[in-house]
């Protein structure tokens, strides 16, 4: 998997989201809606999610931990290069 597109947000004063990104699989499938979020422990990758009937948010895309960590590193590196 690789990052197909990253769109850093400018002037996002009230939002913890610093960028939106799309991920492309080796088969060419593009998954849209990933976010790079500035949390209390630094930047992290957030998968697309939906709000359930119980008011909680659930990931729409589930990625194995190792793959998500690799994508997160790629996203942070690319975000830092764009700023």
N, C-alpha and C. Protein backbone atom coordinates (compact mmCIF):
# COMPACT_ATOMS: atom_id res chain seq x y z
N UNK A 1 0.84 -1.17 0.00
CA UNK A 1 0.00 0.00 0.00
C UNK A 1 0.88 1.23 0.00
N UNK A 2 0.34 2.29 -0.59
CA UNK A 2 1.08 3.54 -0.62
C UNK A 2 0.10 4.70 -0.56
N UNK A 3 0.63 5.86 -0.30
CA UNK A 3 -0.19 7.07 -0.25
C UNK A 3 -0.36 7.58 -1.67
N UNK A 4 -1.62 7.68 -2.10
CA UNK A 4 -1.91 8.14 -3.46
C UNK A 4 -1.99 9.66 -3.52
N UNK A 5 -2.49 10.28 -2.42
CA UNK A 5 -2.66 11.73 -2.39
C UNK A 5 -2.70 12.18 -0.94
N UNK A 6 -2.08 13.32 -0.67
CA UNK A 6 -2.18 13.92 0.66
C UNK A 6 -2.50 15.40 0.48
N UNK A 7 -3.47 15.86 1.25
CA UNK A 7 -3.89 17.26 1.18
C UNK A 7 -3.79 17.88 2.57
N UNK A 8 -2.67 18.56 2.84
CA UNK A 8 -2.54 19.23 4.14
C UNK A 8 -3.57 20.34 4.28
N UNK A 9 -4.08 20.52 5.48
CA UNK A 9 -5.03 21.59 5.75
C UNK A 9 -4.27 22.82 6.21
N UNK A 10 -4.67 23.94 5.73
CA UNK A 10 -4.07 25.21 6.14
C UNK A 10 -5.06 25.91 7.07
N UNK A 11 -4.56 26.59 8.07
CA UNK A 11 -5.40 27.37 8.99
C UNK A 11 -6.50 26.54 9.63
N UNK A 12 -6.16 25.35 10.09
CA UNK A 12 -7.15 24.49 10.78
C UNK A 12 -7.03 24.72 12.28
N UNK A 13 -7.35 25.95 12.72
CA UNK A 13 -7.17 26.36 14.11
C UNK A 13 -7.91 25.48 15.10
N UNK A 14 -9.17 25.17 14.84
CA UNK A 14 -9.97 24.43 15.80
C UNK A 14 -9.98 22.93 15.56
N UNK A 15 -9.40 22.48 14.46
CA UNK A 15 -9.44 21.07 14.11
C UNK A 15 -8.12 20.38 14.44
N UNK A 16 -8.21 19.16 14.92
CA UNK A 16 -7.00 18.37 15.16
C UNK A 16 -6.53 17.69 13.90
N UNK A 17 -7.39 17.62 12.88
CA UNK A 17 -7.02 17.03 11.60
C UNK A 17 -6.08 17.99 10.87
N UNK A 18 -4.90 17.49 10.47
CA UNK A 18 -3.93 18.34 9.78
C UNK A 18 -3.83 18.01 8.30
N UNK A 19 -4.34 16.83 7.88
CA UNK A 19 -4.29 16.47 6.47
C UNK A 19 -5.29 15.35 6.19
N UNK A 20 -5.77 15.32 4.94
CA UNK A 20 -6.57 14.21 4.44
C UNK A 20 -5.71 13.46 3.43
N UNK A 21 -5.89 12.14 3.38
CA UNK A 21 -5.11 11.37 2.42
C UNK A 21 -5.87 10.19 1.89
N UNK A 22 -5.44 9.74 0.71
CA UNK A 22 -5.98 8.55 0.07
C UNK A 22 -4.88 7.51 0.00
N UNK A 23 -5.26 6.26 0.19
CA UNK A 23 -4.33 5.14 0.17
C UNK A 23 -4.62 4.29 -1.07
N UNK A 24 -3.58 3.83 -1.74
CA UNK A 24 -3.75 2.96 -2.91
C UNK A 24 -3.14 1.60 -2.63
N UNK A 25 -3.93 0.54 -2.90
CA UNK A 25 -3.43 -0.82 -2.72
C UNK A 25 -2.57 -1.22 -3.91
N UNK A 26 -1.88 -2.34 -3.78
CA UNK A 26 -1.05 -2.83 -4.88
C UNK A 26 -1.89 -3.17 -6.11
N UNK A 27 -3.16 -3.48 -5.90
CA UNK A 27 -4.08 -3.80 -7.00
C UNK A 27 -4.64 -2.56 -7.67
N UNK A 28 -4.34 -1.38 -7.14
CA UNK A 28 -4.79 -0.13 -7.72
C UNK A 28 -6.07 0.41 -7.11
N UNK A 29 -6.58 -0.22 -6.08
CA UNK A 29 -7.79 0.26 -5.41
C UNK A 29 -7.42 1.44 -4.53
N UNK A 30 -8.17 2.54 -4.66
CA UNK A 30 -7.92 3.74 -3.87
C UNK A 30 -8.97 3.82 -2.77
N UNK A 31 -8.50 3.96 -1.52
CA UNK A 31 -9.38 4.10 -0.37
C UNK A 31 -9.25 5.54 0.11
N UNK A 32 -10.35 6.27 0.06
CA UNK A 32 -10.35 7.69 0.41
C UNK A 32 -10.83 7.88 1.84
N UNK A 33 -10.46 8.99 2.43
CA UNK A 33 -11.01 9.36 3.72
C UNK A 33 -10.10 9.15 4.92
N UNK A 34 -8.84 8.79 4.70
CA UNK A 34 -7.91 8.70 5.82
C UNK A 34 -7.57 10.12 6.27
N UNK A 35 -7.26 10.26 7.55
CA UNK A 35 -6.89 11.57 8.09
C UNK A 35 -5.61 11.45 8.89
N UNK A 36 -4.82 12.49 8.87
CA UNK A 36 -3.65 12.60 9.74
C UNK A 36 -4.08 13.57 10.85
N UNK A 37 -4.03 13.09 12.09
CA UNK A 37 -4.58 13.83 13.22
C UNK A 37 -3.46 14.18 14.20
N UNK A 38 -3.50 15.39 14.74
CA UNK A 38 -2.54 15.83 15.74
C UNK A 38 -3.14 15.54 17.11
N UNK A 39 -2.74 14.43 17.71
CA UNK A 39 -3.26 14.02 19.01
C UNK A 39 -2.33 14.43 20.13
N UNK A 40 -2.67 14.02 21.33
CA UNK A 40 -1.87 14.40 22.51
C UNK A 40 -0.47 13.77 22.49
N UNK A 41 -0.29 12.67 21.75
CA UNK A 41 1.01 12.02 21.63
C UNK A 41 1.66 12.23 20.27
N UNK A 42 1.20 13.23 19.53
CA UNK A 42 1.77 13.52 18.22
C UNK A 42 0.83 13.09 17.10
N UNK A 43 1.35 13.09 15.88
CA UNK A 43 0.55 12.77 14.71
C UNK A 43 0.26 11.27 14.64
N UNK A 44 -0.96 10.95 14.18
CA UNK A 44 -1.31 9.56 13.95
C UNK A 44 -2.30 9.46 12.79
N UNK A 45 -2.34 8.28 12.18
CA UNK A 45 -3.21 8.02 11.04
C UNK A 45 -4.56 7.52 11.53
N UNK A 46 -5.62 8.13 11.04
CA UNK A 46 -6.98 7.73 11.40
C UNK A 46 -7.67 7.20 10.16
N UNK A 47 -8.25 6.00 10.28
CA UNK A 47 -8.95 5.38 9.16
C UNK A 47 -10.32 6.04 8.96
N UNK A 48 -10.89 5.90 7.76
CA UNK A 48 -12.25 6.40 7.56
C UNK A 48 -13.19 5.73 8.57
N UNK A 49 -14.16 6.49 9.08
CA UNK A 49 -15.05 5.90 10.08
C UNK A 49 -16.47 6.41 9.91
N UNK A 50 -17.39 5.71 10.56
CA UNK A 50 -18.80 6.07 10.52
C UNK A 50 -19.35 6.07 11.93
N UNK A 51 -20.31 6.93 12.14
CA UNK A 51 -20.95 7.00 13.46
C UNK A 51 -22.04 5.94 13.54
N UNK A 52 -21.97 5.11 14.58
CA UNK A 52 -22.97 4.07 14.78
C UNK A 52 -24.21 4.62 15.47
N UNK A 53 -25.23 3.78 15.57
CA UNK A 53 -26.48 4.18 16.22
C UNK A 53 -26.28 4.49 17.70
N UNK A 54 -25.20 3.94 18.26
CA UNK A 54 -24.91 4.18 19.68
C UNK A 54 -24.12 5.46 19.92
N UNK A 55 -23.83 6.21 18.84
CA UNK A 55 -23.12 7.47 18.96
C UNK A 55 -21.60 7.33 18.91
N UNK A 56 -21.10 6.12 18.89
CA UNK A 56 -19.65 5.89 18.81
C UNK A 56 -19.22 5.80 17.35
N UNK A 57 -17.93 6.08 17.11
CA UNK A 57 -17.40 5.99 15.76
C UNK A 57 -16.69 4.66 15.56
N UNK A 58 -16.91 4.06 14.38
CA UNK A 58 -16.32 2.77 14.04
C UNK A 58 -15.58 2.88 12.71
N UNK A 59 -14.37 2.27 12.65
CA UNK A 59 -13.58 2.30 11.42
C UNK A 59 -14.32 1.59 10.29
N UNK A 60 -14.33 2.20 9.11
CA UNK A 60 -14.92 1.59 7.92
C UNK A 60 -13.93 0.68 7.23
N UNK A 61 -12.65 0.94 7.44
CA UNK A 61 -11.57 0.17 6.84
C UNK A 61 -10.66 -0.32 7.96
N UNK A 62 -10.42 -1.62 7.99
CA UNK A 62 -9.56 -2.19 9.02
C UNK A 62 -8.27 -2.67 8.34
N UNK A 63 -7.15 -2.19 8.85
CA UNK A 63 -5.83 -2.50 8.29
C UNK A 63 -5.01 -3.19 9.38
N UNK A 64 -4.25 -4.23 9.01
CA UNK A 64 -3.38 -4.88 10.01
C UNK A 64 -2.43 -3.86 10.65
N UNK A 65 -2.13 -4.07 11.93
CA UNK A 65 -1.34 -3.12 12.72
C UNK A 65 -0.02 -2.75 12.05
N UNK A 66 0.73 -3.74 11.56
CA UNK A 66 2.04 -3.46 10.95
C UNK A 66 1.89 -2.58 9.71
N UNK A 67 0.87 -2.87 8.90
CA UNK A 67 0.65 -2.10 7.69
C UNK A 67 0.23 -0.67 8.04
N UNK A 68 -0.61 -0.52 9.06
CA UNK A 68 -1.06 0.81 9.47
C UNK A 68 0.11 1.63 9.99
N UNK A 69 1.00 1.00 10.76
CA UNK A 69 2.19 1.71 11.27
C UNK A 69 3.07 2.18 10.12
N UNK A 70 3.23 1.34 9.10
CA UNK A 70 4.04 1.71 7.94
C UNK A 70 3.40 2.87 7.18
N UNK A 71 2.08 2.80 6.97
CA UNK A 71 1.37 3.90 6.30
C UNK A 71 1.43 5.18 7.11
N UNK A 72 1.33 5.06 8.42
CA UNK A 72 1.40 6.23 9.30
C UNK A 72 2.76 6.91 9.16
N UNK A 73 3.82 6.13 9.14
CA UNK A 73 5.18 6.68 8.97
C UNK A 73 5.29 7.39 7.63
N UNK A 74 4.78 6.77 6.57
CA UNK A 74 4.81 7.39 5.24
C UNK A 74 4.03 8.70 5.25
N UNK A 75 2.85 8.69 5.86
CA UNK A 75 2.00 9.88 5.89
C UNK A 75 2.65 11.02 6.63
N UNK A 76 3.24 10.72 7.79
CA UNK A 76 3.90 11.77 8.58
C UNK A 76 5.09 12.33 7.83
N UNK A 77 5.90 11.46 7.22
CA UNK A 77 7.05 11.92 6.43
C UNK A 77 6.62 12.82 5.29
N UNK A 78 5.59 12.39 4.56
CA UNK A 78 5.12 13.18 3.42
C UNK A 78 4.51 14.51 3.88
N UNK A 79 3.78 14.48 4.98
CA UNK A 79 3.19 15.71 5.54
C UNK A 79 4.31 16.68 5.94
N UNK A 80 5.36 16.18 6.62
CA UNK A 80 6.46 17.04 7.03
C UNK A 80 7.19 17.63 5.83
N UNK A 81 7.31 16.87 4.75
CA UNK A 81 7.96 17.38 3.53
C UNK A 81 7.13 18.48 2.88
N UNK A 82 5.80 18.40 3.01
CA UNK A 82 4.93 19.38 2.35
C UNK A 82 4.81 20.69 3.13
N UNK A 83 5.27 20.70 4.38
CA UNK A 83 5.18 21.92 5.20
C UNK A 83 6.49 22.63 5.31
